[in-house]
């Protein structure tokens, strides 16, 4: 399978950090494989995904992103450098807001009025909130990283499947956004730098946060067809 590639640093702390994050990425290989094999992902790519499942996903994603913005803001509040503070704060204020605007173009306002998070969405948000409550910068950025990295990785392949007349063509176009790809590279770099600065127990806690969030990504992508269509 093709994967999103970035140019790794060759020496210094950045290289140590990238070695750590590459190790995490390799260790979630089974989770990533399961995501690729999901009926939801395959159906989104070939256009066969039921529309109700797609809209259910968007509604839950909008709910998720509303709280995810708060976690990014929390990362900004405890960032060790101005560059990192600016990055995470911008992610909270601009990138997520733009994503929510995109969702609004697909979802009528009244459809969101009384919507509640599914158990899968709530479990993911609970993990992020628990990590953010600890105000440990490394753990927070490790927990938010899978949303960037897995989304960019899966999205890069989905974007290549787009074609004229594709049922979800306008949505797949969003996956080819180079700005988001660059933001993902920066997020990986900041997480790696935090891991390189941390102690061995600290890196282990970062790995646990990253791994758990990656598992929630799998469940989130699976949920539309496991829960959404059945619930209507």
Protein backbone atom coordinates (compact mmCIF):
# COMPACT_ATOMS: atom_id res chain seq x y z
CA UNK A 1 0.00 0.00 0.00
CA UNK A 2 1.23 3.49 -0.76
CA UNK A 3 1.78 5.73 2.25
CA UNK A 4 2.16 9.43 2.79
CA UNK A 5 5.89 10.12 2.69
CA UNK A 6 7.82 12.93 4.34
CA UNK A 7 11.51 13.73 4.11
CA UNK A 8 13.06 12.60 7.41
CA UNK A 9 15.73 14.70 9.12
CA UNK A 10 19.17 13.13 8.94
CA UNK A 11 20.80 14.21 12.20
CA UNK A 12 20.31 15.89 15.56
CA UNK A 13 17.28 15.95 17.89
CA UNK A 14 14.86 16.15 14.96
CA UNK A 15 16.22 12.86 13.63
CA UNK A 16 15.81 11.24 17.04
CA UNK A 17 12.25 12.51 17.22
CA UNK A 18 11.41 11.26 13.74
CA UNK A 19 12.85 7.86 14.59
CA UNK A 20 10.49 7.71 17.55
CA UNK A 21 7.38 8.75 15.62
CA UNK A 22 8.27 6.43 12.74
CA UNK A 23 8.46 3.66 15.32
CA UNK A 24 5.00 4.51 16.59
CA UNK A 25 3.68 4.54 13.02
CA UNK A 26 5.10 1.11 12.41
CA UNK A 27 3.65 -0.25 15.63
CA UNK A 28 0.11 0.76 14.60
CA UNK A 29 0.52 -1.01 11.26
CA UNK A 30 -2.23 -3.50 12.09
CA UNK A 31 -4.64 -0.70 12.98
CA UNK A 32 -3.85 1.08 9.71
CA UNK A 33 -4.36 -2.12 7.76
CA UNK A 34 -7.76 -2.62 9.38
CA UNK A 35 -8.73 0.95 8.50
CA UNK A 36 -7.78 0.40 4.87
CA UNK A 37 -9.90 -2.75 4.76
CA UNK A 38 -13.03 -1.17 6.24
CA UNK A 39 -16.14 -1.28 4.09
CA UNK A 40 -16.62 2.42 4.85
CA UNK A 41 -13.21 3.38 3.43
CA UNK A 42 -13.59 1.12 0.40
CA UNK A 43 -17.08 2.44 -0.27
CA UNK A 44 -15.99 6.04 0.08
CA UNK A 45 -13.23 5.40 -2.43
CA UNK A 46 -15.32 3.68 -5.09
CA UNK A 47 -18.51 5.67 -4.49
CA UNK A 48 -20.61 2.73 -3.31
CA UNK A 49 -20.95 3.98 0.28
CA UNK A 50 -24.63 4.54 1.21
CA UNK A 51 -25.34 8.24 1.46
CA UNK A 52 -26.89 7.92 4.92
CA UNK A 53 -23.69 6.30 6.22
CA UNK A 54 -21.65 9.14 4.75
CA UNK A 55 -23.89 11.82 6.27
CA UNK A 56 -23.84 10.01 9.62
CA UNK A 57 -20.04 10.12 9.50
CA UNK A 58 -20.04 13.85 8.73
CA UNK A 59 -22.43 14.62 11.57
CA UNK A 60 -20.33 12.70 14.06
CA UNK A 61 -17.15 14.23 12.67
CA UNK A 62 -18.57 17.71 13.17
CA UNK A 63 -19.32 16.87 16.81
CA UNK A 64 -15.85 15.41 17.23
CA UNK A 65 -14.10 18.41 15.71
CA UNK A 66 -15.97 20.80 17.96
CA UNK A 67 -14.28 19.26 21.01
CA UNK A 68 -11.05 18.41 19.18
CA UNK A 69 -10.51 22.15 18.73
CA UNK A 70 -10.46 22.50 22.51
CA UNK A 71 -7.76 19.85 22.80
CA UNK A 72 -5.64 21.62 20.19
CA UNK A 73 -6.10 24.83 22.16
CA UNK A 74 -4.96 22.99 25.29
CA UNK A 75 -1.81 21.90 23.45
CA UNK A 76 -1.20 25.53 22.54
CA UNK A 77 -1.57 26.62 26.16
CA UNK A 78 1.21 24.30 27.38
CA UNK A 79 3.49 24.50 24.34
CA UNK A 80 7.19 24.95 25.17
CA UNK A 81 7.98 27.26 22.24
CA UNK A 82 6.22 30.15 20.47
CA UNK A 83 6.25 28.22 17.18
CA UNK A 84 4.43 25.28 18.71
CA UNK A 85 1.98 27.53 20.52
CA UNK A 86 1.18 29.30 17.26
CA UNK A 87 0.78 26.02 15.39
CA UNK A 88 -1.65 24.38 17.79
CA UNK A 89 -3.60 27.58 18.40
CA UNK A 90 -3.96 28.08 14.66
CA UNK A 91 -5.10 24.49 14.36
CA UNK A 92 -7.81 25.14 16.92
CA UNK A 93 -8.96 28.48 15.58
CA UNK A 94 -8.62 28.08 11.82
CA UNK A 95 -8.09 24.57 10.48
CA UNK A 96 -10.85 22.90 12.47
CA UNK A 97 -13.20 25.83 11.88
CA UNK A 98 -12.66 25.47 8.13
CA UNK A 99 -13.42 21.77 8.37
CA UNK A 100 -16.64 22.49 10.22
CA UNK A 101 -17.62 24.96 7.50
CA UNK A 102 -17.14 22.23 4.93
CA UNK A 103 -19.37 19.93 6.94
CA UNK A 104 -22.05 22.62 7.10
CA UNK A 105 -22.17 22.62 3.31
CA UNK A 106 -23.25 18.96 3.49
CA UNK A 107 -25.35 18.98 6.65
CA UNK A 108 -28.48 21.11 7.20
CA UNK A 109 -28.30 23.16 10.39
CA UNK A 110 -31.42 21.54 11.80
CA UNK A 111 -29.79 18.12 11.42
CA UNK A 112 -27.14 19.11 13.99
CA UNK A 113 -29.46 20.80 16.48
CA UNK A 114 -30.27 17.78 18.63
CA UNK A 115 -27.46 15.45 17.59
CA UNK A 116 -25.50 13.64 20.29
CA UNK A 117 -22.14 11.90 19.98
CA UNK A 118 -22.33 8.18 19.33
CA UNK A 119 -20.71 5.89 21.94
CA UNK A 120 -17.70 5.59 19.62
CA UNK A 121 -17.35 9.35 19.23
CA UNK A 122 -17.81 9.92 22.95
CA UNK A 123 -15.16 7.34 23.85
CA UNK A 124 -12.66 9.09 21.58
CA UNK A 125 -13.50 12.51 23.03
CA UNK A 126 -13.25 11.14 26.57
CA UNK A 127 -9.72 9.90 25.90
CA UNK A 128 -8.63 13.25 24.50
CA UNK A 129 -10.24 15.14 27.39
CA UNK A 130 -8.56 12.90 29.96
CA UNK A 131 -5.17 13.47 28.36
CA UNK A 132 -5.71 17.23 28.09
CA UNK A 133 -6.71 17.42 31.75
CA UNK A 134 -3.23 16.24 32.69
CA UNK A 135 -1.70 19.24 30.86
CA UNK A 136 1.30 17.18 29.80
CA UNK A 137 2.36 18.64 26.45
CA UNK A 138 3.91 15.45 25.11
CA UNK A 139 0.89 13.32 25.87
CA UNK A 140 -1.52 15.85 24.40
CA UNK A 141 0.32 16.14 21.08
CA UNK A 142 0.72 12.35 20.92
CA UNK A 143 -3.03 11.95 21.42
CA UNK A 144 -4.01 14.47 18.73
CA UNK A 145 -1.43 13.25 16.20
CA UNK A 146 -3.37 10.23 14.82
CA UNK A 147 -6.22 12.49 13.69
CA UNK A 148 -3.71 14.39 11.56
CA UNK A 149 -1.54 11.51 10.41
CA UNK A 150 -4.09 8.77 9.74
CA UNK A 151 -6.49 11.21 8.08
CA UNK A 152 -3.72 12.49 5.79
CA UNK A 153 -2.49 8.99 5.02
CA UNK A 154 -5.90 7.53 4.19
CA UNK A 155 -6.98 10.72 2.46
CA UNK A 156 -4.01 10.80 0.10
CA UNK A 157 -5.06 7.45 -1.34
CA UNK A 158 -8.75 8.30 -1.43
CA UNK A 159 -7.99 11.51 -3.33
CA UNK A 160 -6.30 9.49 -6.07
CA UNK A 161 -9.51 7.52 -6.56
CA UNK A 162 -11.50 10.62 -7.43
CA UNK A 163 -12.89 10.90 -10.94
CA UNK A 164 -15.49 12.93 -12.84
CA UNK A 165 -18.96 12.01 -11.63
CA UNK A 166 -17.76 10.40 -8.39
CA UNK A 167 -20.59 10.41 -5.86
CA UNK A 168 -18.34 11.92 -3.21
CA UNK A 169 -15.96 13.73 -5.53
CA UNK A 170 -16.18 17.12 -3.86
CA UNK A 171 -15.38 15.52 -0.51
CA UNK A 172 -12.46 13.51 -1.89
CA UNK A 173 -11.03 16.74 -3.29
CA UNK A 174 -10.53 17.96 0.26
CA UNK A 175 -8.10 15.12 0.91
CA UNK A 176 -5.64 16.48 -1.64
CA UNK A 177 -5.11 19.73 0.30
CA UNK A 178 -1.35 20.33 0.43
CA UNK A 179 -1.78 22.76 3.32
CA UNK A 180 -3.15 19.97 5.49
CA UNK A 181 -0.32 17.67 4.40
CA UNK A 182 2.16 20.31 5.54
CA UNK A 183 0.32 20.73 8.84
CA UNK A 184 0.55 16.98 9.32
CA UNK A 185 4.30 17.05 8.75
CA UNK A 186 4.62 19.82 11.33
CA UNK A 187 2.48 17.94 13.85
CA UNK A 188 4.67 14.86 13.43
CA UNK A 189 7.76 16.98 13.92
CA UNK A 190 6.48 18.65 17.08
CA UNK A 191 5.38 15.33 18.56
CA UNK A 192 8.75 13.81 17.74
CA UNK A 193 10.59 16.72 19.33
CA UNK A 194 8.50 16.36 22.48
CA UNK A 195 9.25 12.64 22.59
CA UNK A 196 12.98 13.24 22.11
CA UNK A 197 13.01 15.69 25.03
CA UNK A 198 11.03 13.39 27.30
CA UNK A 199 12.14 10.66 29.67
CA UNK A 200 11.68 6.98 28.87
CA UNK A 201 8.53 6.76 31.06
CA UNK A 202 7.28 9.95 29.40
CA UNK A 203 7.80 8.50 25.93
CA UNK A 204 5.94 5.37 26.98
CA UNK A 205 2.97 7.47 28.09
CA UNK A 206 3.11 9.34 24.79
CA UNK A 207 3.08 6.04 22.92
CA UNK A 208 0.09 4.85 24.92
CA UNK A 209 -1.81 8.05 24.10
CA UNK A 210 -0.92 7.75 20.40
CA UNK A 211 -1.85 4.08 20.24
CA UNK A 212 -5.18 4.54 22.00
CA UNK A 213 -6.14 7.47 19.78
CA UNK A 214 -5.20 5.43 16.70
CA UNK A 215 -7.53 2.66 17.86
CA UNK A 216 -10.29 5.24 18.27
CA UNK A 217 -9.63 6.39 14.68
CA UNK A 218 -10.30 2.82 13.53
CA UNK A 219 -13.52 2.62 15.50
CA UNK A 220 -14.60 6.06 14.23
CA UNK A 221 -14.20 5.02 10.59
CA UNK A 222 -15.99 1.72 11.24
CA UNK A 223 -18.92 3.27 13.11
CA UNK A 224 -20.96 4.71 10.21
CA UNK A 225 -21.78 1.26 8.86
CA UNK A 226 -21.79 -0.50 12.22
CA UNK A 227 -24.01 2.06 13.96
CA UNK A 228 -25.15 4.76 11.59
CA UNK A 229 -27.16 2.86 8.99
CA UNK A 230 -28.74 0.64 11.61
CA UNK A 231 -29.82 3.65 13.63
CA UNK A 232 -30.97 5.50 10.54
